[in-house]
Amino acid sequence: MKNPIANLNKIFDSRIRLGIMSALMVNETVHFNELKELIEVTDGNLASHLKTLEESAYVKVQKGFVGRKTQTTYTVTKAGEKAFRQHLEALEQMIKSME
């Protein structure tokens, strides 16, 4: 019997990264502060998880200004969308194999 967890993506093991990707999959863009409120994490914790996703080319970062305040916006990349969908499919298969 094949190991049911073999197709899971380790990048998405963290509940925070799972939350980030979930938010980005259903929204075209999400601002840093929106993600922070949604996932209920500190600035530093969110930033480190976003950096991991960015380094994996799953998330694209855009920095800009609104008035005099900086605003950081995130979008999911095509590679990120594909990887996350594959991860979700692997989770579904794992659950089905346990029935």
N, C-alpha and C. Protein backbone atom coordinates (compact mmCIF):
# COMPACT_ATOMS: atom_id res chain seq x y z
N MET A 1 0.85 -1.19 0.00
CA MET A 1 0.00 0.00 0.00
C MET A 1 0.88 1.24 0.00
N LYS A 2 0.55 2.19 -0.84
CA LYS A 2 1.31 3.43 -0.95
C LYS A 2 1.08 4.31 0.29
N ASN A 3 2.13 4.97 0.71
CA ASN A 3 2.05 5.88 1.85
C ASN A 3 1.12 7.04 1.51
N PRO A 4 0.00 7.22 2.21
CA PRO A 4 -0.97 8.26 1.84
C PRO A 4 -0.47 9.69 2.04
N ILE A 5 0.58 9.87 2.81
CA ILE A 5 1.06 11.24 3.02
C ILE A 5 2.20 11.62 2.08
N ALA A 6 2.59 10.71 1.21
CA ALA A 6 3.72 10.95 0.32
C ALA A 6 3.52 12.15 -0.61
N ASN A 7 2.29 12.47 -0.96
CA ASN A 7 2.03 13.56 -1.91
C ASN A 7 1.73 14.90 -1.24
N LEU A 8 1.81 14.94 0.09
CA LEU A 8 1.59 16.22 0.78
C LEU A 8 2.83 17.10 0.61
N ASN A 9 2.60 18.40 0.52
CA ASN A 9 3.67 19.38 0.33
C ASN A 9 4.10 19.90 1.71
N LYS A 10 5.35 19.67 2.09
CA LYS A 10 5.85 20.09 3.41
C LYS A 10 5.75 21.59 3.63
N ILE A 11 5.79 22.37 2.58
CA ILE A 11 5.68 23.83 2.73
C ILE A 11 4.35 24.19 3.40
N PHE A 12 3.31 23.40 3.15
CA PHE A 12 1.99 23.72 3.69
C PHE A 12 1.69 23.00 5.01
N ASP A 13 2.71 22.42 5.64
CA ASP A 13 2.51 21.75 6.93
C ASP A 13 2.07 22.73 8.03
N SER A 14 2.54 23.94 7.95
CA SER A 14 2.23 24.95 8.97
C SER A 14 0.80 25.45 8.82
N ARG A 15 0.10 25.58 9.94
CA ARG A 15 -1.27 26.09 9.89
C ARG A 15 -1.28 27.54 9.40
N ILE A 16 -0.21 28.27 9.66
CA ILE A 16 -0.15 29.66 9.23
C ILE A 16 -0.01 29.74 7.71
N ARG A 17 0.88 28.94 7.14
CA ARG A 17 1.03 28.92 5.67
C ARG A 17 -0.22 28.38 5.00
N LEU A 18 -0.85 27.42 5.64
CA LEU A 18 -2.11 26.89 5.12
C LEU A 18 -3.17 28.00 5.10
N GLY A 19 -3.21 28.80 6.16
CA GLY A 19 -4.14 29.92 6.23
C GLY A 19 -3.84 31.00 5.21
N ILE A 20 -2.57 31.31 5.03
CA ILE A 20 -2.17 32.32 4.04
C ILE A 20 -2.61 31.88 2.65
N MET A 21 -2.27 30.65 2.30
CA MET A 21 -2.61 30.15 0.97
C MET A 21 -4.12 30.08 0.77
N SER A 22 -4.84 29.67 1.79
CA SER A 22 -6.30 29.61 1.69
C SER A 22 -6.88 30.98 1.41
N ALA A 23 -6.38 31.99 2.11
CA ALA A 23 -6.86 33.36 1.90
C ALA A 23 -6.52 33.85 0.50
N LEU A 24 -5.32 33.52 0.03
CA LEU A 24 -4.90 33.99 -1.29
C LEU A 24 -5.61 33.26 -2.43
N MET A 25 -6.03 32.05 -2.19
CA MET A 25 -6.73 31.29 -3.23
C MET A 25 -8.12 31.85 -3.52
N VAL A 26 -8.72 32.51 -2.55
CA VAL A 26 -10.08 33.02 -2.73
C VAL A 26 -10.13 34.54 -2.88
N ASN A 27 -8.99 35.20 -2.78
CA ASN A 27 -8.90 36.65 -2.96
C ASN A 27 -7.80 36.96 -3.96
N GLU A 28 -8.06 37.90 -4.84
CA GLU A 28 -7.05 38.26 -5.83
C GLU A 28 -5.78 38.79 -5.18
N THR A 29 -5.95 39.65 -4.20
CA THR A 29 -4.83 40.18 -3.42
C THR A 29 -5.26 40.30 -1.97
N VAL A 30 -4.26 40.23 -1.08
CA VAL A 30 -4.53 40.42 0.35
C VAL A 30 -3.39 41.25 0.92
N HIS A 31 -3.75 42.26 1.71
CA HIS A 31 -2.76 43.11 2.37
C HIS A 31 -2.22 42.42 3.61
N PHE A 32 -1.01 42.79 3.99
CA PHE A 32 -0.34 42.21 5.15
C PHE A 32 -1.22 42.28 6.40
N ASN A 33 -1.76 43.45 6.69
CA ASN A 33 -2.56 43.62 7.90
C ASN A 33 -3.85 42.80 7.87
N GLU A 34 -4.41 42.62 6.67
CA GLU A 34 -5.60 41.77 6.55
C GLU A 34 -5.26 40.32 6.90
N LEU A 35 -4.13 39.85 6.38
CA LEU A 35 -3.69 38.49 6.69
C LEU A 35 -3.42 38.33 8.19
N LYS A 36 -2.77 39.33 8.76
CA LYS A 36 -2.44 39.28 10.18
C LYS A 36 -3.71 39.14 11.03
N GLU A 37 -4.73 39.92 10.71
CA GLU A 37 -6.00 39.86 11.45
C GLU A 37 -6.71 38.54 11.21
N LEU A 38 -6.73 38.11 9.97
CA LEU A 38 -7.44 36.88 9.60
C LEU A 38 -6.84 35.65 10.28
N ILE A 39 -5.52 35.56 10.27
CA ILE A 39 -4.85 34.38 10.80
C ILE A 39 -4.53 34.52 12.29
N GLU A 40 -4.58 35.75 12.79
CA GLU A 40 -4.33 36.05 14.20
C GLU A 40 -2.92 35.65 14.63
N VAL A 41 -1.94 36.26 13.97
CA VAL A 41 -0.53 36.03 14.30
C VAL A 41 0.17 37.38 14.43
N THR A 42 1.39 37.34 14.97
CA THR A 42 2.18 38.56 15.10
C THR A 42 2.79 38.95 13.76
N ASP A 43 3.24 40.18 13.66
CA ASP A 43 3.89 40.67 12.44
C ASP A 43 5.07 39.77 12.05
N GLY A 44 5.94 39.51 13.02
CA GLY A 44 7.14 38.74 12.74
C GLY A 44 6.85 37.31 12.32
N ASN A 45 5.88 36.69 12.97
CA ASN A 45 5.51 35.32 12.63
C ASN A 45 4.94 35.26 11.22
N LEU A 46 4.04 36.17 10.90
CA LEU A 46 3.45 36.21 9.56
C LEU A 46 4.52 36.49 8.51
N ALA A 47 5.39 37.44 8.80
CA ALA A 47 6.44 37.80 7.83
C ALA A 47 7.36 36.61 7.52
N SER A 48 7.70 35.83 8.54
CA SER A 48 8.60 34.70 8.29
C SER A 48 7.93 33.62 7.45
N HIS A 49 6.65 33.39 7.67
CA HIS A 49 5.93 32.40 6.87
C HIS A 49 5.71 32.90 5.44
N LEU A 50 5.44 34.19 5.29
CA LEU A 50 5.29 34.75 3.95
C LEU A 50 6.61 34.67 3.18
N LYS A 51 7.71 34.88 3.89
CA LYS A 51 9.02 34.79 3.25
C LYS A 51 9.27 33.37 2.72
N THR A 52 8.91 32.37 3.50
CA THR A 52 9.05 30.98 3.06
C THR A 52 8.23 30.73 1.80
N LEU A 53 7.00 31.22 1.78
CA LEU A 53 6.16 31.05 0.60
C LEU A 53 6.70 31.83 -0.60
N GLU A 54 7.24 33.00 -0.35
CA GLU A 54 7.83 33.80 -1.43
C GLU A 54 9.07 33.10 -1.99
N GLU A 55 9.93 32.59 -1.12
CA GLU A 55 11.14 31.89 -1.57
C GLU A 55 10.81 30.62 -2.35
N SER A 56 9.66 30.04 -2.09
CA SER A 56 9.21 28.85 -2.81
C SER A 56 8.52 29.22 -4.11
N ALA A 57 8.41 30.52 -4.40
CA ALA A 57 7.74 31.06 -5.59
C ALA A 57 6.24 30.76 -5.60
N TYR A 58 5.64 30.63 -4.41
CA TYR A 58 4.21 30.39 -4.30
C TYR A 58 3.43 31.68 -4.10
N VAL A 59 4.12 32.72 -3.65
CA VAL A 59 3.48 34.00 -3.35
C VAL A 59 4.30 35.12 -3.97
N LYS A 60 3.60 36.10 -4.51
CA LYS A 60 4.25 37.29 -5.08
C LYS A 60 3.97 38.47 -4.15
N VAL A 61 5.01 39.27 -3.90
CA VAL A 61 4.91 40.41 -2.99
C VAL A 61 4.98 41.70 -3.80
N GLN A 62 4.09 42.62 -3.48
CA GLN A 62 4.11 43.94 -4.10
C GLN A 62 4.09 44.99 -2.99
N LYS A 63 5.09 45.85 -3.00
CA LYS A 63 5.17 46.90 -1.99
C LYS A 63 4.88 48.24 -2.66
N GLY A 64 4.12 49.05 -1.94
CA GLY A 64 3.77 50.36 -2.47
C GLY A 64 3.41 51.30 -1.33
N PHE A 65 2.90 52.44 -1.71
CA PHE A 65 2.51 53.44 -0.72
C PHE A 65 1.06 53.83 -0.91
N VAL A 66 0.38 54.03 0.20
CA VAL A 66 -0.95 54.63 0.23
C VAL A 66 -0.77 55.88 1.06
N GLY A 67 -0.74 57.02 0.37
CA GLY A 67 -0.37 58.25 1.06
C GLY A 67 1.09 58.14 1.45
N ARG A 68 1.35 58.27 2.74
CA ARG A 68 2.73 58.17 3.23
C ARG A 68 3.02 56.83 3.91
N LYS A 69 2.01 55.97 3.94
CA LYS A 69 2.19 54.67 4.59
C LYS A 69 2.51 53.59 3.56
N THR A 70 3.42 52.72 3.95
CA THR A 70 3.74 51.59 3.07
C THR A 70 2.60 50.57 3.14
N GLN A 71 2.40 49.91 2.03
CA GLN A 71 1.38 48.86 1.98
C GLN A 71 1.96 47.68 1.21
N THR A 72 1.93 46.52 1.82
CA THR A 72 2.44 45.31 1.21
C THR A 72 1.27 44.42 0.87
N THR A 73 1.22 44.02 -0.41
CA THR A 73 0.13 43.21 -0.92
C THR A 73 0.69 41.90 -1.44
N TYR A 74 -0.07 40.83 -1.23
CA TYR A 74 0.35 39.50 -1.64
C TYR A 74 -0.66 38.89 -2.60
N THR A 75 -0.14 38.15 -3.58
CA THR A 75 -0.96 37.39 -4.50
C THR A 75 -0.35 36.00 -4.63
N VAL A 76 -1.19 35.04 -4.96
CA VAL A 76 -0.69 33.69 -5.18
C VAL A 76 -0.19 33.60 -6.62
N THR A 77 0.92 32.92 -6.83
CA THR A 77 1.46 32.72 -8.18
C THR A 77 0.79 31.50 -8.80
N LYS A 78 0.98 31.32 -10.10
CA LYS A 78 0.46 30.13 -10.79
C LYS A 78 1.05 28.87 -10.17
N ALA A 79 2.36 28.91 -9.88
CA ALA A 79 3.02 27.76 -9.26
C ALA A 79 2.45 27.50 -7.88
N GLY A 80 2.18 28.56 -7.13
CA GLY A 80 1.61 28.42 -5.80
C GLY A 80 0.21 27.84 -5.84
N GLU A 81 -0.58 28.31 -6.80
CA GLU A 81 -1.94 27.81 -6.96
C GLU A 81 -1.92 26.31 -7.30
N LYS A 82 -1.05 25.93 -8.21
CA LYS A 82 -0.95 24.52 -8.61
C LYS A 82 -0.49 23.65 -7.44
N ALA A 83 0.54 24.09 -6.74
CA ALA A 83 1.07 23.33 -5.61
C ALA A 83 0.03 23.19 -4.50
N PHE A 84 -0.71 24.25 -4.24
CA PHE A 84 -1.71 24.20 -3.17
C PHE A 84 -2.87 23.28 -3.54
N ARG A 85 -3.29 23.35 -4.79
CA ARG A 85 -4.36 22.46 -5.25
C ARG A 85 -3.92 21.00 -5.15
N GLN A 86 -2.67 20.72 -5.52
CA GLN A 86 -2.15 19.36 -5.42
C GLN A 86 -2.10 18.91 -3.96
N HIS A 87 -1.74 19.82 -3.07
CA HIS A 87 -1.70 19.51 -1.64
C HIS A 87 -3.11 19.17 -1.14
N LEU A 88 -4.09 19.96 -1.53
CA LEU A 88 -5.47 19.71 -1.11
C LEU A 88 -5.97 18.37 -1.66
N GLU A 89 -5.63 18.08 -2.90
CA GLU A 89 -6.01 16.80 -3.50
C GLU A 89 -5.36 15.64 -2.73
N ALA A 90 -4.12 15.80 -2.35
CA ALA A 90 -3.42 14.76 -1.59
C ALA A 90 -4.08 14.56 -0.23
N LEU A 91 -4.52 15.65 0.41
CA LEU A 91 -5.24 15.54 1.68
C LEU A 91 -6.54 14.76 1.50
N GLU A 92 -7.27 15.09 0.43
CA GLU A 92 -8.52 14.39 0.16
C GLU A 92 -8.27 12.89 -0.07
N GLN A 93 -7.25 12.58 -0.84
CA GLN A 93 -6.92 11.18 -1.10
C GLN A 93 -6.52 10.46 0.19
N MET A 94 -5.78 11.14 1.02
CA MET A 94 -5.37 10.55 2.29
C MET A 94 -6.59 10.23 3.15
N ILE A 95 -7.53 11.16 3.21
CA ILE A 95 -8.74 10.95 4.00
C ILE A 95 -9.55 9.79 3.43
N LYS A 96 -9.69 9.77 2.12
CA LYS A 96 -10.46 8.70 1.47
C LYS A 96 -9.81 7.33 1.69
N SER A 97 -8.49 7.28 1.71
CA SER A 97 -7.81 6.00 1.89
C SER A 97 -7.94 5.46 3.31
N MET A 98 -8.31 6.32 4.24
CA MET A 98 -8.46 5.91 5.63
C MET A 98 -9.86 5.37 5.94
N GLU A 99 -10.78 5.56 5.02
CA GLU A 99 -12.17 5.14 5.26
C GLU A 99 -12.31 3.64 5.22
